[in-house]
Amino acid sequence: MQTLSVKEAVKFLKQSDPELIPLLDAFDIEDLTPETNYFQSLTRSIIYQQLSGKAAQTISDRFIALYDKKNYPTPSDILKTDSTKLRSVGLSNAKVAYIKNIAEAFLNGTVDVTNLDKLSDEEIMNQLILIKGVGPWTVQMFLMFTLNRSDIFPTGDLGVQKGFQKYFQLETLPSPKMMIERSKKWKPYRTIMAMYFWRVVDGPFEW
């Protein structure tokens, strides 16, 4: 796995779609560096689902603190932990079940941990969504931020939709079909475009 260079992506995107230049010049986005603890990445995404960043961070810190002197629990640690104890840090019943499902999948071979980074995006999607609680969005975030795959475009993500709508000055949210069609010019760097659309929503931006 390699670091995903934003500079290289931006150079390509400016040439392939000049209409993006004001957006690409507006923000500085850091390169993406791959993560190697896949279990941590997936369980963290479950913890953070549908919560504000601050609330999720608090729960995540309490969750990790359950496992004294460890940077992060292993799948075995999770399966040995009573669900009531996991709920005590602020996790819902569903999230506890999903985290245990992920732990089970890592131990029983559902997830091919050793070769995961060698698989295609589609193969990884097909493997991980077998785990109850892990949906397409979670896998897309994993592909983007853990494996640093360069061409992931989460058209179902509301933040990406809103950024797309705002930048292209649309009256309504774009359909996935519209987004996919428009994004063809951006291959193979649609991951980077998603990050810029998130920034449109998060930060002050004028063009």
Protein backbone atom coordinates (compact mmCIF):
# COMPACT_ATOMS: atom_id res chain seq x y z
CA MET A 1 0.00 0.00 0.00
CA GLN A 2 1.20 3.47 -0.85
CA THR A 3 0.41 6.96 0.32
CA LEU A 4 -2.17 8.59 -1.95
CA SER A 5 -0.69 11.83 -3.26
CA VAL A 6 -3.19 14.68 -3.39
CA LYS A 7 -0.76 16.80 -5.42
CA GLU A 8 -0.64 14.24 -8.22
CA ALA A 9 -4.41 13.85 -8.16
CA VAL A 10 -5.04 17.60 -8.26
CA LYS A 11 -2.72 18.04 -11.24
CA PHE A 12 -4.61 15.36 -13.14
CA LEU A 13 -8.05 16.68 -12.16
CA LYS A 14 -7.28 20.23 -13.23
CA GLN A 15 -6.32 18.96 -16.66
CA SER A 16 -9.20 16.52 -17.05
CA ASP A 17 -11.91 18.90 -15.77
CA PRO A 18 -10.90 22.60 -15.67
CA GLU A 19 -14.26 23.50 -14.12
CA LEU A 20 -12.89 22.08 -10.87
CA ILE A 21 -9.94 24.48 -10.65
CA PRO A 22 -11.57 26.99 -8.23
CA LEU A 23 -12.46 24.13 -5.89
CA LEU A 24 -9.07 22.46 -6.09
CA ASP A 25 -7.33 25.77 -5.42
CA ALA A 26 -9.55 26.60 -2.44
CA PHE A 27 -8.39 23.94 0.02
CA ASP A 28 -5.22 22.14 1.03
CA ILE A 29 -5.92 18.49 1.67
CA GLU A 30 -3.31 16.20 3.18
CA ASP A 31 -2.10 13.02 1.52
CA LEU A 32 -3.77 9.83 2.67
CA THR A 33 -1.52 7.43 4.54
CA PRO A 34 -2.55 3.75 4.72
CA GLU A 35 -3.52 2.10 7.99
CA THR A 36 -2.61 -1.50 8.75
CA ASN A 37 -4.93 -2.42 11.63
CA TYR A 38 -8.00 -3.33 9.60
CA PHE A 39 -9.94 -4.50 12.64
CA GLN A 40 -9.45 -1.15 14.33
CA SER A 41 -10.51 0.73 11.21
CA LEU A 42 -13.76 -1.18 10.79
CA THR A 43 -14.78 -1.18 14.44
CA ARG A 44 -13.96 2.51 14.72
CA SER A 45 -16.28 3.23 11.81
CA ILE A 46 -19.08 1.39 13.62
CA ILE A 47 -18.47 3.41 16.79
CA TYR A 48 -18.54 6.70 14.84
CA GLN A 49 -21.70 5.95 12.84
CA GLN A 50 -24.52 8.48 13.32
CA LEU A 51 -22.68 10.41 16.03
CA SER A 52 -20.96 13.77 16.19
CA GLY A 53 -17.19 13.54 16.12
CA LYS A 54 -16.86 14.66 19.74
CA ALA A 55 -19.40 12.18 21.10
CA ALA A 56 -17.90 9.35 19.06
CA GLN A 57 -14.38 10.17 20.25
CA THR A 58 -15.52 10.05 23.88
CA ILE A 59 -17.10 6.61 23.41
CA SER A 60 -14.09 5.37 21.45
CA ASP A 61 -11.71 6.47 24.21
CA ARG A 62 -13.81 4.69 26.85
CA PHE A 63 -13.99 1.59 24.66
CA ILE A 64 -10.21 1.40 24.29
CA ALA A 65 -9.75 2.09 28.02
CA LEU A 66 -11.59 -1.15 28.80
CA TYR A 67 -8.49 -2.96 27.59
CA ASP A 68 -5.81 -1.83 29.99
CA LYS A 69 -2.31 -1.34 28.58
CA LYS A 70 -3.38 -2.09 24.99
CA ASN A 71 -3.39 0.40 22.15
CA TYR A 72 -6.46 -1.32 20.75
CA PRO A 73 -8.30 -4.57 21.55
CA THR A 74 -7.91 -7.62 19.32
CA PRO A 75 -10.85 -9.61 17.90
CA SER A 76 -10.25 -12.22 20.63
CA ASP A 77 -10.40 -9.52 23.31
CA ILE A 78 -13.77 -8.37 22.02
CA LEU A 79 -15.32 -11.83 21.94
CA LYS A 80 -14.18 -12.45 25.53
CA THR A 81 -15.83 -9.23 26.71
CA ASP A 82 -19.39 -9.35 28.03
CA SER A 83 -21.81 -7.27 25.96
CA THR A 84 -23.00 -5.45 29.08
CA LYS A 85 -19.47 -4.20 29.68
CA LEU A 86 -19.23 -2.93 26.10
CA ARG A 87 -22.59 -1.17 26.42
CA SER A 88 -21.34 0.55 29.58
CA VAL A 89 -19.06 2.83 27.52
CA GLY A 90 -22.02 4.23 25.57
CA LEU A 91 -22.33 1.75 22.71
CA SER A 92 -25.84 0.79 21.61
CA ASN A 93 -26.97 -2.83 21.56
CA ALA A 94 -26.72 -2.84 17.77
CA LYS A 95 -23.20 -1.45 17.72
CA VAL A 96 -22.02 -3.99 20.29
CA ALA A 97 -23.45 -6.75 18.12
CA TYR A 98 -21.81 -5.35 14.98
CA ILE A 99 -18.41 -5.03 16.65
CA LYS A 100 -18.66 -8.62 17.86
CA ASN A 101 -19.68 -9.68 14.32
CA ILE A 102 -16.55 -8.02 12.93
CA ALA A 103 -14.39 -9.72 15.55
CA GLU A 104 -15.92 -13.09 14.70
CA ALA A 105 -15.36 -12.51 10.97
CA PHE A 106 -11.69 -11.70 11.52
CA LEU A 107 -11.19 -14.89 13.50
CA ASN A 108 -13.21 -17.35 11.39
CA GLY A 109 -11.71 -16.41 8.04
CA THR A 110 -14.64 -14.46 6.59
CA VAL A 111 -12.14 -11.62 6.22
CA ASP A 112 -8.93 -12.60 4.46
CA VAL A 113 -6.79 -10.28 6.58
CA THR A 114 -3.45 -11.32 5.10
CA ASN A 115 -4.40 -10.67 1.48
CA LEU A 116 -7.07 -8.01 1.86
CA ASP A 117 -4.98 -5.17 0.45
CA LYS A 118 -4.22 -7.27 -2.65
CA LEU A 119 -7.90 -7.68 -3.57
CA SER A 120 -9.84 -5.40 -5.92
CA ASP A 121 -12.25 -2.79 -4.56
CA GLU A 122 -15.18 -4.97 -5.62
CA GLU A 123 -13.74 -8.10 -4.02
CA ILE A 124 -13.22 -6.26 -0.74
CA MET A 125 -16.76 -4.89 -0.87
CA ASN A 126 -18.18 -8.37 -1.49
CA GLN A 127 -16.17 -9.82 1.40
CA LEU A 128 -16.82 -7.19 4.05
CA ILE A 129 -20.56 -6.72 3.49
CA LEU A 130 -21.00 -10.36 4.48
CA ILE A 131 -20.51 -9.08 8.05
CA LYS A 132 -23.84 -8.01 9.53
CA GLY A 133 -23.54 -4.34 10.44
CA VAL A 134 -20.99 -3.50 7.75
CA GLY A 135 -22.71 -1.85 4.80
CA PRO A 136 -21.47 -0.36 1.52
CA TRP A 137 -20.76 3.07 3.05
CA THR A 138 -18.58 1.56 5.79
CA VAL A 139 -16.63 -0.42 3.21
CA GLN A 140 -16.19 2.68 1.04
CA MET A 141 -14.74 4.60 3.99
CA PHE A 142 -12.44 1.63 4.67
CA LEU A 143 -11.28 1.58 1.05
CA MET A 144 -10.65 5.34 1.10
CA PHE A 145 -9.07 5.97 4.48
CA THR A 146 -7.52 2.62 5.41
CA LEU A 147 -6.38 1.18 2.09
CA ASN A 148 -6.11 4.58 0.34
CA ARG A 149 -7.80 3.39 -2.82
CA SER A 150 -7.83 6.31 -5.21
CA ASP A 151 -11.08 5.86 -7.10
CA ILE A 152 -13.88 5.48 -4.54
CA PHE A 153 -16.86 7.80 -5.00
CA PRO A 154 -19.53 7.37 -2.29
CA THR A 155 -22.56 8.79 -4.12
CA GLY A 156 -24.80 7.77 -1.23
CA ASP A 157 -22.92 9.94 1.28
CA LEU A 158 -24.98 13.03 2.15
CA GLY A 159 -21.90 15.21 2.64
CA VAL A 160 -20.56 14.35 -0.82
CA GLN A 161 -24.01 14.94 -2.31
CA LYS A 162 -24.31 18.34 -0.62
CA GLY A 163 -20.81 19.39 -1.65
CA PHE A 164 -21.53 18.38 -5.25
CA GLN A 165 -24.83 20.28 -5.17
CA LYS A 166 -23.27 23.41 -3.70
CA TYR A 167 -20.26 23.53 -5.98
CA PHE A 168 -22.21 22.95 -9.18
CA GLN A 169 -25.04 25.23 -7.94
CA LEU A 170 -27.84 22.71 -8.31
CA GLU A 171 -31.31 23.39 -6.95
CA THR A 172 -31.69 19.90 -5.53
CA LEU A 173 -29.40 17.12 -4.38
CA PRO A 174 -27.88 15.25 -7.32
CA SER A 175 -28.93 11.70 -8.08
CA PRO A 176 -26.29 8.97 -7.90
CA LYS A 177 -26.70 8.55 -11.66
CA MET A 178 -25.88 12.22 -12.27
CA MET A 179 -22.88 12.06 -9.93
CA ILE A 180 -21.48 8.92 -11.55
CA GLU A 181 -21.87 10.40 -15.03
CA ARG A 182 -20.17 13.67 -14.06
CA SER A 183 -17.41 11.84 -12.23
CA LYS A 184 -16.23 9.83 -15.21
CA LYS A 185 -13.75 12.61 -16.00
CA TRP A 186 -12.27 12.29 -12.52
CA LYS A 187 -11.20 8.65 -12.74
CA PRO A 188 -8.93 7.38 -11.22
CA TYR A 189 -9.03 10.05 -8.48
CA ARG A 190 -12.63 10.16 -7.34
CA THR A 191 -11.58 9.54 -3.73
CA ILE A 192 -9.87 12.93 -3.77
CA MET A 193 -12.93 14.59 -5.28
CA ALA A 194 -15.11 13.18 -2.50
CA MET A 195 -12.74 14.75 0.02
CA TYR A 196 -13.02 18.14 -1.68
CA PHE A 197 -16.82 17.95 -1.72
CA TRP A 198 -16.79 17.24 2.02
CA ARG A 199 -14.66 20.34 2.48
CA VAL A 200 -17.17 22.45 0.52
CA VAL A 201 -19.78 21.55 3.13
CA ASP A 202 -17.48 21.86 6.16
CA GLY A 203 -15.61 25.07 5.46
CA PRO A 204 -16.20 28.58 4.11
CA PHE A 205 -15.91 28.50 0.37
CA GLU A 206 -16.52 31.13 -2.31
CA TRP A 207 -16.02 30.96 -6.04
